[in-house]
Amino acid sequence: MAFSMSFIPMPLVNTLAIAAMVLLFYLLWDYKDKHPLPSIGLAFILGGAFGNIPERLIRGFVVDFISVDWPDWLFFNRWPTFNIADSAVNVGMVLYLGYVFFIEGKIAKTDSPVTPDN
């Protein structure tokens, strides 16, 4: 649970994290011979998910220690507190989704066979 959100019971969070890691391993295997960007993004997400699991199992919660202050005129006074694993998950999501939305479709269009209409 990124940014200290703790409204879901910890055993369920751990179960979801392990299930997500299995899915991430599958996606990494699926993208292994394709563009490197989704693999890098997925590796960041996997690393972030894996990084928080030991702390959840040992302490029962994750220590978030990076706190950023924003100017008061923005939408909120403080950015939620986070840690390095949260950052890795977010960077990985930006990389992966950037690939999916901006690159994957263009690659699919150039790889599709052109059939003449008669």
PDB file of N, CA and C in Angstrom:
ATOM      1  N   MET A   1       0.843  -1.176   0.000  1.00  0.00           N
ATOM      2  CA  MET A   1       0.000   0.000   0.000  1.00  0.00           C
ATOM      3  C   MET A   1       0.888   1.239   0.000  1.00  0.00           C
ATOM      4  N   ALA A   2       0.914   1.877  -1.112  1.00  0.00           N
ATOM      5  CA  ALA A   2       1.771   3.046  -1.282  1.00  0.00           C
ATOM      6  C   ALA A   2       1.260   4.223  -0.457  1.00  0.00           C
ATOM      7  N   PHE A   3       2.167   5.062  -0.071  1.00  0.00           N
ATOM      8  CA  PHE A   3       1.879   6.329   0.603  1.00  0.00           C
ATOM      9  C   PHE A   3       1.134   6.152   1.925  1.00  0.00           C
ATOM     10  N   SER A   4       1.491   5.137   2.687  1.00  0.00           N
ATOM     11  CA  SER A   4       0.958   4.910   4.038  1.00  0.00           C
ATOM     12  C   SER A   4      -0.539   4.686   4.081  1.00  0.00           C
ATOM     13  N   MET A   5      -1.139   4.229   3.003  1.00  0.00           N
ATOM     14  CA  MET A   5      -2.568   3.913   3.023  1.00  0.00           C
ATOM     15  C   MET A   5      -2.730   2.557   3.692  1.00  0.00           C
ATOM     16  N   SER A   6      -3.478   2.518   4.768  1.00  0.00           N
ATOM     17  CA  SER A   6      -3.558   1.273   5.536  1.00  0.00           C
ATOM     18  C   SER A   6      -4.991   0.886   5.849  1.00  0.00           C
ATOM     19  N   PHE A   7      -5.901   1.060   4.913  1.00  0.00           N
ATOM     20  CA  PHE A   7      -7.291   0.709   5.166  1.00  0.00           C
ATOM     21  C   PHE A   7      -7.606  -0.734   4.792  1.00  0.00           C
ATOM     22  N   ILE A   8      -6.640  -1.465   4.228  1.00  0.00           N
ATOM     23  CA  ILE A   8      -6.813  -2.871   3.898  1.00  0.00           C
ATOM     24  C   ILE A   8      -6.018  -3.694   4.916  1.00  0.00           C
ATOM     25  N   PRO A   9      -6.572  -4.792   5.435  1.00  0.00           N
ATOM     26  CA  PRO A   9      -5.842  -5.610   6.415  1.00  0.00           C
ATOM     27  C   PRO A   9      -4.507  -6.118   5.845  1.00  0.00           C
ATOM     28  N   MET A  10      -3.475  -6.131   6.671  1.00  0.00           N
ATOM     29  CA  MET A  10      -2.126  -6.488   6.224  1.00  0.00           C
ATOM     30  C   MET A  10      -2.019  -7.883   5.616  1.00  0.00           C
ATOM     31  N   PRO A  11      -2.693  -8.905   6.147  1.00  0.00           N
ATOM     32  CA  PRO A  11      -2.595 -10.212   5.475  1.00  0.00           C
ATOM     33  C   PRO A  11      -3.110 -10.168   4.030  1.00  0.00           C
ATOM     34  N   LEU A  12      -4.151  -9.394   3.784  1.00  0.00           N
ATOM     35  CA  LEU A  12      -4.667  -9.253   2.422  1.00  0.00           C
ATOM     36  C   LEU A  12      -3.680  -8.484   1.550  1.00  0.00           C
ATOM     37  N   VAL A  13      -3.052  -7.457   2.109  1.00  0.00           N
ATOM     38  CA  VAL A  13      -2.043  -6.699   1.362  1.00  0.00           C
ATOM     39  C   VAL A  13      -0.886  -7.613   0.973  1.00  0.00           C
ATOM     40  N   ASN A  14      -0.414  -8.444   1.908  1.00  0.00           N
ATOM     41  CA  ASN A  14       0.684  -9.373   1.599  1.00  0.00           C
ATOM     42  C   ASN A  14       0.278 -10.379   0.538  1.00  0.00           C
ATOM     43  N   THR A  15      -0.931 -10.900   0.626  1.00  0.00           N
ATOM     44  CA  THR A  15      -1.419 -11.851  -0.371  1.00  0.00           C
ATOM     45  C   THR A  15      -1.502 -11.192  -1.743  1.00  0.00           C
ATOM     46  N   LEU A  16      -2.041  -9.980  -1.797  1.00  0.00           N
ATOM     47  CA  LEU A  16      -2.126  -9.260  -3.069  1.00  0.00           C
ATOM     48  C   LEU A  16      -0.740  -8.941  -3.627  1.00  0.00           C
ATOM     49  N   ALA A  17       0.195  -8.599  -2.757  1.00  0.00           N
ATOM     50  CA  ALA A  17       1.560  -8.301  -3.213  1.00  0.00           C
ATOM     51  C   ALA A  17       2.220  -9.536  -3.806  1.00  0.00           C
ATOM     52  N   ILE A  18       2.033 -10.682  -3.180  1.00  0.00           N
ATOM     53  CA  ILE A  18       2.622 -11.914  -3.710  1.00  0.00           C
ATOM     54  C   ILE A  18       1.961 -12.284  -5.038  1.00  0.00           C
ATOM     55  N   ALA A  19       0.645 -12.127  -5.125  1.00  0.00           N
ATOM     56  CA  ALA A  19      -0.052 -12.403  -6.390  1.00  0.00           C
ATOM     57  C   ALA A  19       0.423 -11.443  -7.481  1.00  0.00           C
ATOM     58  N   ALA A  20       0.616 -10.188  -7.127  1.00  0.00           N
ATOM     59  CA  ALA A  20       1.113  -9.213  -8.098  1.00  0.00           C
ATOM     60  C   ALA A  20       2.518  -9.564  -8.555  1.00  0.00           C
ATOM     61  N   MET A  21       3.339 -10.063  -7.649  1.00  0.00           N
ATOM     62  CA  MET A  21       4.704 -10.449  -8.024  1.00  0.00           C
ATOM     63  C   MET A  21       4.697 -11.620  -8.997  1.00  0.00           C
ATOM     64  N   VAL A  22       3.788 -12.573  -8.808  1.00  0.00           N
ATOM     65  CA  VAL A  22       3.671 -13.688  -9.748  1.00  0.00           C
ATOM     66  C   VAL A  22       3.283 -13.157 -11.126  1.00  0.00           C
ATOM     67  N   LEU A  23       2.307 -12.245 -11.164  1.00  0.00           N
ATOM     68  CA  LEU A  23       1.903 -11.631 -12.427  1.00  0.00           C
ATOM     69  C   LEU A  23       3.060 -10.861 -13.057  1.00  0.00           C
ATOM     70  N   LEU A  24       3.824 -10.146 -12.251  1.00  0.00           N
ATOM     71  CA  LEU A  24       4.959  -9.377 -12.771  1.00  0.00           C
ATOM     72  C   LEU A  24       6.032 -10.288 -13.355  1.00  0.00           C
ATOM     73  N   PHE A  25       6.296 -11.423 -12.697  1.00  0.00           N
ATOM     74  CA  PHE A  25       7.250 -12.384 -13.264  1.00  0.00           C
ATOM     75  C   PHE A  25       6.760 -12.902 -14.613  1.00  0.00           C
ATOM     76  N   TYR A  26       5.464 -13.182 -14.715  1.00  0.00           N
ATOM     77  CA  TYR A  26       4.911 -13.637 -15.989  1.00  0.00           C
ATOM     78  C   TYR A  26       5.064 -12.557 -17.062  1.00  0.00           C
ATOM     79  N   LEU A  27       4.729 -11.315 -16.729  1.00  0.00           N
ATOM     80  CA  LEU A  27       4.854 -10.226 -17.706  1.00  0.00           C
ATOM     81  C   LEU A  27       6.305 -10.006 -18.112  1.00  0.00           C
ATOM     82  N   LEU A  28       7.226 -10.114 -17.158  1.00  0.00           N
ATOM     83  CA  LEU A  28       8.648  -9.994 -17.510  1.00  0.00           C
ATOM     84  C   LEU A  28       9.062 -11.082 -18.497  1.00  0.00           C
ATOM     85  N   TRP A  29       8.585 -12.298 -18.259  1.00  0.00           N
ATOM     86  CA  TRP A  29       8.889 -13.396 -19.173  1.00  0.00           C
ATOM     87  C   TRP A  29       8.254 -13.144 -20.544  1.00  0.00           C
ATOM     88  N   ASP A  30       7.041 -12.599 -20.555  1.00  0.00           N
ATOM     89  CA  ASP A  30       6.336 -12.338 -21.806  1.00  0.00           C
ATOM     90  C   ASP A  30       7.025 -11.245 -22.640  1.00  0.00           C
ATOM     91  N   TYR A  31       7.604 -10.243 -21.990  1.00  0.00           N
ATOM     92  CA  TYR A  31       8.255  -9.128 -22.688  1.00  0.00           C
ATOM     93  C   TYR A  31       9.749  -9.362 -22.928  1.00  0.00           C
ATOM     94  N   LYS A  32      10.273 -10.535 -22.615  1.00  0.00           N
ATOM     95  CA  LYS A  32      11.724 -10.757 -22.637  1.00  0.00           C
ATOM     96  C   LYS A  32      12.357 -10.527 -24.010  1.00  0.00           C
ATOM     97  N   ASP A  33      11.655 -10.802 -25.093  1.00  0.00           N
ATOM     98  CA  ASP A  33      12.226 -10.649 -26.431  1.00  0.00           C
ATOM     99  C   ASP A  33      11.709  -9.416 -27.143  1.00  0.00           C
ATOM    100  N   LYS A  34      11.102  -8.517 -26.415  1.00  0.00           N
ATOM    101  CA  LYS A  34      10.520  -7.320 -27.022  1.00  0.00           C
ATOM    102  C   LYS A  34      11.339  -6.101 -26.611  1.00  0.00           C
ATOM    103  N   HIS A  35      10.754  -4.959 -26.724  1.00  0.00           N
ATOM    104  CA  HIS A  35      11.376  -3.682 -26.356  1.00  0.00           C
ATOM    105  C   HIS A  35      11.832  -3.728 -24.890  1.00  0.00           C
ATOM    106  N   PRO A  36      12.990  -3.155 -24.543  1.00  0.00           N
ATOM    107  CA  PRO A  36      13.475  -3.247 -23.155  1.00  0.00           C
ATOM    108  C   PRO A  36      12.726  -2.364 -22.152  1.00  0.00           C
ATOM    109  N   LEU A  37      12.030  -1.337 -22.622  1.00  0.00           N
ATOM    110  CA  LEU A  37      11.379  -0.401 -21.694  1.00  0.00           C
ATOM    111  C   LEU A  37      10.346  -1.062 -20.785  1.00  0.00           C
ATOM    112  N   PRO A  38       9.446  -1.922 -21.287  1.00  0.00           N
ATOM    113  CA  PRO A  38       8.498  -2.527 -20.345  1.00  0.00           C
ATOM    114  C   PRO A  38       9.184  -3.456 -19.346  1.00  0.00           C
ATOM    115  N   SER A  39      10.243  -4.121 -19.758  1.00  0.00           N
ATOM    116  CA  SER A  39      10.966  -4.984 -18.817  1.00  0.00           C
ATOM    117  C   SER A  39      11.609  -4.173 -17.705  1.00  0.00           C
ATOM    118  N   ILE A  40      12.157  -3.023 -18.044  1.00  0.00           N
ATOM    119  CA  ILE A  40      12.749  -2.156 -17.018  1.00  0.00           C
ATOM    120  C   ILE A  40      11.667  -1.659 -16.070  1.00  0.00           C
ATOM    121  N   GLY A  41      10.539  -1.214 -16.615  1.00  0.00           N
ATOM    122  CA  GLY A  41       9.435  -0.749 -15.779  1.00  0.00           C
ATOM    123  C   GLY A  41       8.904  -1.845 -14.872  1.00  0.00           C
ATOM    124  N   LEU A  42       8.716  -3.033 -15.440  1.00  0.00           N
ATOM    125  CA  LEU A  42       8.220  -4.143 -14.635  1.00  0.00           C
ATOM    126  C   LEU A  42       9.226  -4.558 -13.562  1.00  0.00           C
ATOM    127  N   ALA A  43      10.513  -4.473 -13.873  1.00  0.00           N
ATOM    128  CA  ALA A  43      11.539  -4.795 -12.868  1.00  0.00           C
ATOM    129  C   ALA A  43      11.503  -3.790 -11.714  1.00  0.00           C
ATOM    130  N   PHE A  44      11.278  -2.513 -12.010  1.00  0.00           N
ATOM    131  CA  PHE A  44      11.137  -1.507 -10.951  1.00  0.00           C
ATOM    132  C   PHE A  44       9.934  -1.830 -10.071  1.00  0.00           C
ATOM    133  N   ILE A  45       8.803  -2.171 -10.698  1.00  0.00           N
ATOM    134  CA  ILE A  45       7.598  -2.486  -9.939  1.00  0.00           C
ATOM    135  C   ILE A  45       7.832  -3.725  -9.078  1.00  0.00           C
ATOM    136  N   LEU A  46       8.439  -4.742  -9.662  1.00  0.00           N
ATOM    137  CA  LEU A  46       8.722  -5.978  -8.924  1.00  0.00           C
ATOM    138  C   LEU A  46       9.665  -5.702  -7.756  1.00  0.00           C
ATOM    139  N   GLY A  47      10.694  -4.919  -7.986  1.00  0.00           N
ATOM    140  CA  GLY A  47      11.625  -4.575  -6.911  1.00  0.00           C
ATOM    141  C   GLY A  47      10.951  -3.816  -5.785  1.00  0.00           C
ATOM    142  N   GLY A  48      10.084  -2.877  -6.139  1.00  0.00           N
ATOM    143  CA  GLY A  48       9.363  -2.125  -5.116  1.00  0.00           C
ATOM    144  C   GLY A  48       8.417  -3.005  -4.319  1.00  0.00           C
ATOM    145  N   ALA A  49       7.706  -3.893  -5.016  1.00  0.00           N
ATOM    146  CA  ALA A  49       6.793  -4.804  -4.321  1.00  0.00           C
ATOM    147  C   ALA A  49       7.567  -5.751  -3.414  1.00  0.00           C
ATOM    148  N   PHE A  50       8.670  -6.283  -3.932  1.00  0.00           N
ATOM    149  CA  PHE A  50       9.482  -7.209  -3.142  1.00  0.00           C
ATOM    150  C   PHE A  50      10.158  -6.504  -1.974  1.00  0.00           C
ATOM    151  N   GLY A  51      10.513  -5.233  -2.137  1.00  0.00           N
ATOM    152  CA  GLY A  51      11.212  -4.490  -1.093  1.00  0.00           C
ATOM    153  C   GLY A  51      10.392  -4.253   0.155  1.00  0.00           C
ATOM    154  N   ASN A  52       9.086  -4.154   0.017  1.00  0.00           N
ATOM    155  CA  ASN A  52       8.242  -3.888   1.185  1.00  0.00           C
ATOM    156  C   ASN A  52       7.766  -5.147   1.900  1.00  0.00           C
ATOM    157  N   ILE A  53       7.794  -6.294   1.238  1.00  0.00           N
ATOM    158  CA  ILE A  53       7.248  -7.509   1.854  1.00  0.00           C
ATOM    159  C   ILE A  53       7.975  -7.908   3.145  1.00  0.00           C
ATOM    160  N   PRO A  54       9.320  -7.938   3.187  1.00  0.00           N
ATOM    161  CA  PRO A  54       9.958  -8.326   4.455  1.00  0.00           C
ATOM    162  C   PRO A  54       9.585  -7.409   5.616  1.00  0.00           C
ATOM    163  N   GLU A  55       9.480  -6.123   5.352  1.00  0.00           N
ATOM    164  CA  GLU A  55       9.126  -5.188   6.413  1.00  0.00           C
ATOM    165  C   GLU A  55       7.691  -5.412   6.895  1.00  0.00           C
ATOM    166  N   ARG A  56       6.788  -5.691   5.962  1.00  0.00           N
ATOM    167  CA  ARG A  56       5.412  -5.997   6.358  1.00  0.00           C
ATOM    168  C   ARG A  56       5.340  -7.267   7.196  1.00  0.00           C
ATOM    169  N   LEU A  57       6.128  -8.277   6.815  1.00  0.00           N
ATOM    170  CA  LEU A  57       6.086  -9.542   7.548  1.00  0.00           C
ATOM    171  C   LEU A  57       6.726  -9.424   8.928  1.00  0.00           C
ATOM    172  N   ILE A  58       7.804  -8.645   9.037  1.00  0.00           N
ATOM    173  CA  ILE A  58       8.523  -8.527  10.309  1.00  0.00           C
ATOM    174  C   ILE A  58       7.846  -7.531  11.242  1.00  0.00           C
ATOM    175  N   ARG A  59       7.557  -6.331  10.753  1.00  0.00           N
ATOM    176  CA  ARG A  59       6.994  -5.278  11.597  1.00  0.00           C
ATOM    177  C   ARG A  59       5.481  -5.230  11.591  1.00  0.00           C
ATOM    178  N   GLY A  60       4.887  -5.714  10.506  1.00  0.00           N
ATOM    179  CA  GLY A  60       3.441  -5.591  10.365  1.00  0.00           C
ATOM    180  C   GLY A  60       3.034  -4.323   9.650  1.00  0.00           C
ATOM    181  N   PHE A  61       3.995  -3.509   9.279  1.00  0.00           N
ATOM    182  CA  PHE A  61       3.752  -2.273   8.533  1.00  0.00           C
ATOM    183  C   PHE A  61       5.051  -1.877   7.848  1.00  0.00           C
ATOM    184  N   VAL A  62       4.950  -0.922   6.949  1.00  0.00           N
ATOM    185  CA  VAL A  62       6.115  -0.429   6.225  1.00  0.00           C
ATOM    186  C   VAL A  62       6.429   0.979   6.711  1.00  0.00           C
ATOM    187  N   VAL A  63       7.692   1.235   6.976  1.00  0.00           N
ATOM    188  CA  VAL A  63       8.111   2.559   7.423  1.00  0.00           C
ATOM    189  C   VAL A  63       8.303   3.447   6.190  1.00  0.00           C
ATOM    190  N   ASP A  64       7.522   4.496   6.122  1.00  0.00           N
ATOM    191  CA  ASP A  64       7.672   5.504   5.081  1.00  0.00           C
ATOM    192  C   ASP A  64       8.424   6.674   5.696  1.00  0.00           C
ATOM    193  N   PHE A  65       9.481   7.123   5.028  1.00  0.00           N
ATOM    194  CA  PHE A  65      10.368   8.090   5.669  1.00  0.00           C
ATOM    195  C   PHE A  65      10.694   9.306   4.812  1.00  0.00           C
ATOM    196  N   ILE A  66      10.217   9.357   3.589  1.00  0.00           N
ATOM    197  CA  ILE A  66      10.483  10.520   2.737  1.00  0.00           C
ATOM    198  C   ILE A  66       9.236  11.395   2.753  1.00  0.00           C
ATOM    199  N   SER A  67       9.411  12.614   3.243  1.00  0.00           N
ATOM    200  CA  SER A  67       8.295  13.545   3.357  1.00  0.00           C
ATOM    201  C   SER A  67       8.638  14.827   2.597  1.00  0.00           C
ATOM    202  N   VAL A  68       7.753  15.242   1.715  1.00  0.00           N
ATOM    203  CA  VAL A  68       7.997  16.403   0.865  1.00  0.00           C
ATOM    204  C   VAL A  68       6.958  17.464   1.177  1.00  0.00           C
ATOM    205  N   ASP A  69       7.425  18.677   1.425  1.00  0.00           N
ATOM    206  CA  ASP A  69       6.524  19.790   1.697  1.00  0.00           C
ATOM    207  C   ASP A  69       6.231  20.522   0.393  1.00  0.00           C
ATOM    208  N   TRP A  70       4.987  20.892   0.207  1.00  0.00           N
ATOM    209  CA  TRP A  70       4.563  21.636  -0.980  1.00  0.00           C
ATOM    210  C   TRP A  70       4.160  23.044  -0.570  1.00  0.00           C
ATOM    211  N   PRO A  71       4.209  23.974  -1.501  1.00  0.00           N
ATOM    212  CA  PRO A  71       3.663  25.309  -1.178  1.00  0.00           C
ATOM    213  C   PRO A  71       2.172  25.193  -0.864  1.00  0.00           C
ATOM    214  N   ASP A  72       1.692  26.020   0.031  1.00  0.00           N
ATOM    215  CA  ASP A  72       0.307  25.936   0.478  1.00  0.00           C
ATOM    216  C   ASP A  72      -0.703  26.237  -0.617  1.00  0.00           C
ATOM    217  N   TRP A  73      -0.304  26.884  -1.695  1.00  0.00           N
ATOM    218  CA  TRP A  73      -1.273  27.248  -2.729  1.00  0.00           C
ATOM    219  C   TRP A  73      -1.606  26.094  -3.671  1.00  0.00           C
ATOM    220  N   LEU A  74      -0.906  24.974  -3.539  1.00  0.00           N
ATOM    221  CA  LEU A  74      -1.261  23.809  -4.353  1.00  0.00           C
ATOM    222  C   LEU A  74      -2.465  23.103  -3.748  1.00  0.00           C
ATOM    223  N   PHE A  75      -2.906  22.010  -4.351  1.00  0.00           N
ATOM    224  CA  PHE A  75      -4.146  21.346  -3.966  1.00  0.00           C
ATOM    225  C   PHE A  75      -4.120  20.767  -2.555  1.00  0.00           C
ATOM    226  N   PHE A  76      -2.952  20.467  -2.045  1.00  0.00           N
ATOM    227  CA  PHE A  76      -2.856  19.904  -0.699  1.00  0.00           C
ATOM    228  C   PHE A  76      -1.591  20.433  -0.055  1.00  0.00           C
ATOM    229  N   ASN A  77      -1.534  20.385   1.256  1.00  0.00           N
ATOM    230  CA  ASN A  77      -0.404  20.976   1.970  1.00  0.00           C
ATOM    231  C   ASN A  77       0.843  20.115   1.928  1.00  0.00           C
ATOM    232  N   ARG A  78       0.692  18.799   1.987  1.00  0.00           N
ATOM    233  CA  ARG A  78       1.854  17.909   2.001  1.00  0.00           C
ATOM    234  C   ARG A  78       1.611  16.746   1.058  1.00  0.00           C
ATOM    235  N   TRP A  79       2.677  16.336   0.389  1.00  0.00           N
ATOM    236  CA  TRP A  79       2.625  15.106  -0.404  1.00  0.00           C
ATOM    237  C   TRP A  79       2.629  13.946   0.580  1.00  0.00           C
ATOM    238  N   PRO A  80       1.902  12.871   0.309  1.00  0.00           N
ATOM    239  CA  PRO A  80       1.928  11.739   1.242  1.00  0.00           C
ATOM    240  C   PRO A  80       3.352  11.206   1.442  1.00  0.00           C
ATOM    241  N   THR A  81       3.642  10.789   2.652  1.00  0.00           N
ATOM    242  CA  THR A  81       4.960  10.240   2.975  1.00  0.00           C
ATOM    243  C   THR A  81       5.137   8.916   2.241  1.00  0.00           C
ATOM    244  N   PHE A  82       6.352   8.663   1.738  1.00  0.00           N
ATOM    245  CA  PHE A  82       6.599   7.456   0.958  1.00  0.00           C
ATOM    246  C   PHE A  82       7.994   6.942   1.241  1.00  0.00           C
ATOM    247  N   ASN A  83       8.379   5.828   0.612  1.00  0.00           N
ATOM    248  CA  ASN A  83       9.723   5.287   0.764  1.00  0.00           C
ATOM    249  C   ASN A  83      10.293   4.962  -0.612  1.00  0.00           C
ATOM    250  N   ILE A  84      11.477   4.393  -0.654  1.00  0.00           N
ATOM    251  CA  ILE A  84      12.149   4.121  -1.920  1.00  0.00           C
ATOM    252  C   ILE A  84      11.384   3.062  -2.722  1.00  0.00           C
ATOM    253  N   ALA A  85      10.821   2.067  -2.045  1.00  0.00           N
ATOM    254  CA  ALA A  85      10.058   1.036  -2.752  1.00  0.00           C
ATOM    255  C   ALA A  85       8.824   1.636  -3.422  1.00  0.00           C
ATOM    256  N   ASP A  86       8.147   2.552  -2.739  1.00  0.00           N
ATOM    257  CA  ASP A  86       7.006   3.243  -3.353  1.00  0.00           C
ATOM    258  C   ASP A  86       7.452   4.007  -4.600  1.00  0.00           C
ATOM    259  N   SER A  87       8.607   4.646  -4.506  1.00  0.00           N
ATOM    260  CA  SER A  87       9.135   5.387  -5.654  1.00  0.00           C
ATOM    261  C   SER A  87       9.426   4.449  -6.814  1.00  0.00           C
ATOM    262  N   ALA A  88      10.004   3.286  -6.520  1.00  0.00           N
ATOM    263  CA  ALA A  88      10.316   2.321  -7.580  1.00  0.00           C
ATOM    264  C   ALA A  88       9.041   1.846  -8.265  1.00  0.00           C
ATOM    265  N   VAL A  89       7.997   1.584  -7.492  1.00  0.00           N
ATOM    266  CA  VAL A  89       6.727   1.153  -8.081  1.00  0.00           C
ATOM    267  C   VAL A  89       6.171   2.246  -8.987  1.00  0.00           C
ATOM    268  N   ASN A  90       6.204   3.491  -8.541  1.00  0.00           N
ATOM    269  CA  ASN A  90       5.657   4.584  -9.347  1.00  0.00           C
ATOM    270  C   ASN A  90       6.484   4.848 -10.600  1.00  0.00           C
ATOM    271  N   VAL A  91       7.801   4.829 -10.492  1.00  0.00           N
ATOM    272  CA  VAL A  91       8.652   5.014 -11.672  1.00  0.00           C
ATOM    273  C   VAL A  91       8.426   3.866 -12.655  1.00  0.00           C
ATOM    274  N   GLY A  92       8.336   2.656 -12.131  1.00  0.00           N
ATOM    275  CA  GLY A  92       8.083   1.502 -12.981  1.00  0.00           C
ATOM    276  C   GLY A  92       6.750   1.598 -13.701  1.00  0.00           C
ATOM    277  N   MET A  93       5.721   2.053 -13.005  1.00  0.00           N
ATOM    278  CA  MET A  93       4.413   2.212 -13.640  1.00  0.00           C
ATOM    279  C   MET A  93       4.460   3.257 -14.747  1.00  0.00           C
ATOM    280  N   VAL A  94       5.154   4.353 -14.523  1.00  0.00           N
ATOM    281  CA  VAL A  94       5.274   5.384 -15.565  1.00  0.00           C
ATOM    282  C   VAL A  94       5.989   4.811 -16.786  1.00  0.00           C
ATOM    283  N   LEU A  95       7.079   4.078 -16.568  1.00  0.00           N
ATOM    284  CA  LEU A  95       7.811   3.483 -17.690  1.00  0.00           C
ATOM    285  C   LEU A  95       6.955   2.458 -18.435  1.00  0.00           C
ATOM    286  N   TYR A  96       6.317   1.572 -17.691  1.00  0.00           N
ATOM    287  CA  TYR A  96       5.519   0.515 -18.323  1.00  0.00           C
ATOM    288  C   TYR A  96       4.310   1.093 -19.053  1.00  0.00           C
ATOM    289  N   LEU A  97       3.559   1.963 -18.395  1.00  0.00           N
ATOM    290  CA  LEU A  97       2.383   2.538 -19.036  1.00  0.00           C
ATOM    291  C   LEU A  97       2.769   3.459 -20.195  1.00  0.00           C
ATOM    292  N   GLY A  98       3.896   4.151 -20.061  1.00  0.00           N
ATOM    293  CA  GLY A  98       4.382   4.959 -21.180  1.00  0.00           C
ATOM    294  C   GLY A  98       4.645   4.094 -22.399  1.00  0.00           C
ATOM    295  N   TYR A  99       5.236   2.924 -22.175  1.00  0.00           N
ATOM    296  CA  TYR A  99       5.466   1.996 -23.285  1.00  0.00           C
ATOM    297  C   TYR A  99       4.144   1.511 -23.867  1.00  0.00           C
ATOM    298  N   VAL A 100       3.227   1.086 -22.995  1.00  0.00           N
ATOM    299  CA  VAL A 100       1.958   0.527 -23.462  1.00  0.00           C
ATOM    300  C   VAL A 100       1.166   1.557 -24.256  1.00  0.00           C
ATOM    301  N   PHE A 101       1.088   2.784 -23.770  1.00  0.00           N
ATOM    302  CA  PHE A 101       0.254   3.782 -24.425  1.00  0.00           C
ATOM    303  C   PHE A 101       0.914   4.466 -25.618  1.00  0.00           C
ATOM    304  N   PHE A 102       2.237   4.630 -25.591  1.00  0.00           N
ATOM    305  CA  PHE A 102       2.879   5.427 -26.631  1.00  0.00           C
ATOM    306  C   PHE A 102       3.746   4.645 -27.607  1.00  0.00           C
ATOM    307  N   ILE A 103       4.213   3.471 -27.237  1.00  0.00           N
ATOM    308  CA  ILE A 103       5.133   2.742 -28.109  1.00  0.00           C
ATOM    309  C   ILE A 103       4.525   1.444 -28.629  1.00  0.00           C
ATOM    310  N   GLU A 104       3.879   0.677 -27.766  1.00  0.00           N
ATOM    311  CA  GLU A 104       3.390  -0.642 -28.154  1.00  0.00           C
ATOM    312  C   GLU A 104       2.414  -0.581 -29.323  1.00  0.00           C
ATOM    313  N   GLY A 105       1.505   0.376 -29.316  1.00  0.00           N
ATOM    314  CA  GLY A 105       0.550   0.507 -30.413  1.00  0.00           C
ATOM    315  C   GLY A 105       1.222   0.838 -31.725  1.00  0.00           C
ATOM    316  N   LYS A 106       2.234   1.680 -31.697  1.00  0.00           N
ATOM    317  CA  LYS A 106       2.952   2.032 -32.927  1.00  0.00           C
ATOM    318  C   LYS A 106       3.727   0.840 -33.466  1.00  0.00           C
ATOM    319  N   ILE A 107       4.314   0.049 -32.572  1.00  0.00           N
ATOM    320  CA  ILE A 107       5.039  -1.147 -33.005  1.00  0.00           C
ATOM    321  C   ILE A 107       4.061  -2.140 -33.623  1.00  0.00           C
ATOM    322  N   ALA A 108       2.879  -2.298 -33.024  1.00  0.00           N
ATOM    323  CA  ALA A 108       1.890  -3.233 -33.544  1.00  0.00           C
ATOM    324  C   ALA A 108       1.416  -2.799 -34.923  1.00  0.00           C
ATOM    325  N   LYS A 109       1.273  -1.494 -35.140  1.00  0.00           N
ATOM    326  CA  LYS A 109       0.831  -0.997 -36.450  1.00  0.00           C
ATOM    327  C   LYS A 109       1.877  -1.260 -37.514  1.00  0.00           C
ATOM    328  N   THR A 110       3.151  -1.094 -37.188  1.00  0.00           N
ATOM    329  CA  THR A 110       4.195  -1.298 -38.193  1.00  0.00           C
ATOM    330  C   THR A 110       4.444  -2.768 -38.445  1.00  0.00           C
ATOM    331  N   ASP A 111       4.120  -3.633 -37.486  1.00  0.00           N
ATOM    332  CA  ASP A 111       4.328  -5.076 -37.679  1.00  0.00           C
ATOM    333  C   ASP A 111       3.146  -5.772 -38.337  1.00  0.00           C
ATOM    334  N   SER A 112       1.988  -5.113 -38.408  1.00  0.00           N
ATOM    335  CA  SER A 112       0.825  -5.781 -38.974  1.00  0.00           C
ATOM    336  C   SER A 112       0.942  -5.835 -40.499  1.00  0.00           C
ATOM    337  N   PRO A 113       0.551  -6.961 -41.058  1.00  0.00           N
ATOM    338  CA  PRO A 113       0.646  -7.090 -42.517  1.00  0.00           C
ATOM    339  C   PRO A 113      -0.403  -6.210 -43.203  1.00  0.00           C
ATOM    340  N   VAL A 114      -0.022  -5.660 -44.318  1.00  0.00           N
ATOM    341  CA  VAL A 114      -0.928  -4.818 -45.084  1.00  0.00           C
ATOM    342  C   VAL A 114      -1.601  -5.696 -46.123  1.00  0.00           C
ATOM    343  N   THR A 115      -2.924  -5.711 -46.082  1.00  0.00           N
ATOM    344  CA  THR A 115      -3.669  -6.493 -47.046  1.00  0.00           C
ATOM    345  C   THR A 115      -4.403  -5.549 -47.990  1.00  0.00           C
ATOM    346  N   PRO A 116      -4.251  -5.742 -49.285  1.00  0.00           N
ATOM    347  CA  PRO A 116      -4.936  -4.851 -50.232  1.00  0.00           C
ATOM    348  C   PRO A 116      -6.428  -5.175 -50.281  1.00  0.00           C
ATOM    349  N   ASP A 117      -7.219  -4.140 -50.374  1.00  0.00           N
ATOM    350  CA  ASP A 117      -8.654  -4.304 -50.516  1.00  0.00           C
ATOM    351  C   ASP A 117      -9.017  -4.373 -51.991  1.00  0.00           C
ATOM    352  N   ASN A 118      -9.626  -5.423 -52.427  1.00  0.00           N
ATOM    353  CA  ASN A 118     -10.025  -5.570 -53.847  1.00  0.00           C
ATOM    354  C   ASN A 118     -11.500  -5.581 -53.985  1.00  0.00           C
TER     355      ASN A 118
END
